[in-house]
Amino acid sequence: MSNIITVNASGLSCPQPVLMTKKALSELEAGRVEVLVDTATSRNNVSRFGENKGWKVSTEEREGGYKVILEK
């Protein structure tokens, strides 16, 4: 899969991570967006946003936070 966008939203508070995710998703019809966040609230908000837009969402814990993976 060649369409991968990584969004580094670590250190940012909502709604900034969701707005950055929205912009990245608007650039892809299909592919993978990986969003790096450092709070559970941001993880949950980005996950919920992706699901509401019809993307398959999974999360991974990583050092210092989380990686939210959105795929379509």
Protein backbone atom coordinates (compact mmCIF):
# COMPACT_ATOMS: atom_id res chain seq x y z
CA MET A 1 0.00 0.00 0.00
CA SER A 2 1.70 3.19 -1.13
CA ASN A 3 -0.78 5.76 0.16
CA ILE A 4 0.40 6.28 3.74
CA ILE A 5 0.23 9.62 5.51
CA THR A 6 1.70 10.08 8.99
CA VAL A 7 0.27 12.88 11.11
CA ASN A 8 2.27 13.83 14.19
CA ALA A 9 -0.23 15.43 16.57
CA SER A 10 1.77 14.67 19.73
CA GLY A 11 1.71 17.51 22.21
CA LEU A 12 -1.39 19.08 20.69
CA SER A 13 -4.72 19.30 22.44
CA CYS A 14 -8.11 18.75 20.90
CA PRO A 15 -9.50 19.66 18.51
CA GLN A 16 -6.13 20.03 16.73
CA PRO A 17 -5.41 16.26 16.28
CA VAL A 18 -8.91 15.71 14.84
CA LEU A 19 -8.54 18.68 12.47
CA MET A 20 -5.16 17.38 11.28
CA THR A 21 -6.67 13.92 10.78
CA LYS A 22 -9.59 15.40 8.84
CA LYS A 23 -7.17 17.16 6.49
CA ALA A 24 -5.13 13.98 5.94
CA LEU A 25 -8.24 11.88 5.24
CA SER A 26 -9.48 14.46 2.74
CA GLU A 27 -6.27 13.90 0.74
CA LEU A 28 -6.94 10.15 0.34
CA GLU A 29 -9.84 8.20 -1.09
CA ALA A 30 -8.21 5.02 0.14
CA GLY A 31 -5.01 4.18 1.93
CA ARG A 32 -3.63 4.46 5.41
CA VAL A 33 -3.30 7.38 7.81
CA GLU A 34 -1.24 6.97 10.98
CA VAL A 35 -1.91 9.60 13.63
CA LEU A 36 0.52 9.97 16.53
CA VAL A 37 -1.04 11.37 19.71
CA ASP A 38 0.04 11.48 23.34
CA THR A 39 -3.24 11.41 25.27
CA ALA A 40 -6.06 8.91 25.59
CA THR A 41 -8.56 11.71 24.91
CA SER A 42 -6.94 12.54 21.57
CA ARG A 43 -6.73 8.82 20.72
CA ASN A 44 -10.43 8.39 21.42
CA ASN A 45 -11.47 11.51 19.53
CA VAL A 46 -9.39 10.66 16.44
CA SER A 47 -10.65 7.05 16.53
CA ARG A 48 -14.28 8.14 16.77
CA PHE A 49 -13.83 10.67 13.97
CA GLY A 50 -12.30 8.04 11.67
CA GLU A 51 -15.03 5.51 12.38
CA ASN A 52 -17.72 8.13 11.73
CA LYS A 53 -16.11 8.80 8.33
CA GLY A 54 -16.18 5.09 7.44
CA TRP A 55 -12.52 4.24 8.03
CA LYS A 56 -11.33 1.05 9.75
CA VAL A 57 -9.61 2.12 12.96
CA SER A 58 -7.04 0.37 15.13
CA THR A 59 -4.73 1.71 17.82
CA GLU A 60 -1.31 0.77 19.12
CA GLU A 61 0.37 1.96 22.30
CA ARG A 62 3.79 3.39 21.65
CA GLU A 63 6.39 5.07 23.80
CA GLY A 64 4.95 8.38 24.95
CA GLY A 65 1.48 7.84 23.56
CA TYR A 66 -0.52 6.13 20.87
CA LYS A 67 -0.63 5.49 17.16
CA VAL A 68 -4.13 5.58 15.66
CA ILE A 69 -4.22 3.74 12.34
CA LEU A 70 -7.02 4.54 9.90
CA GLU A 71 -7.37 2.35 6.79
CA LYS A 72 -9.73 2.22 3.87
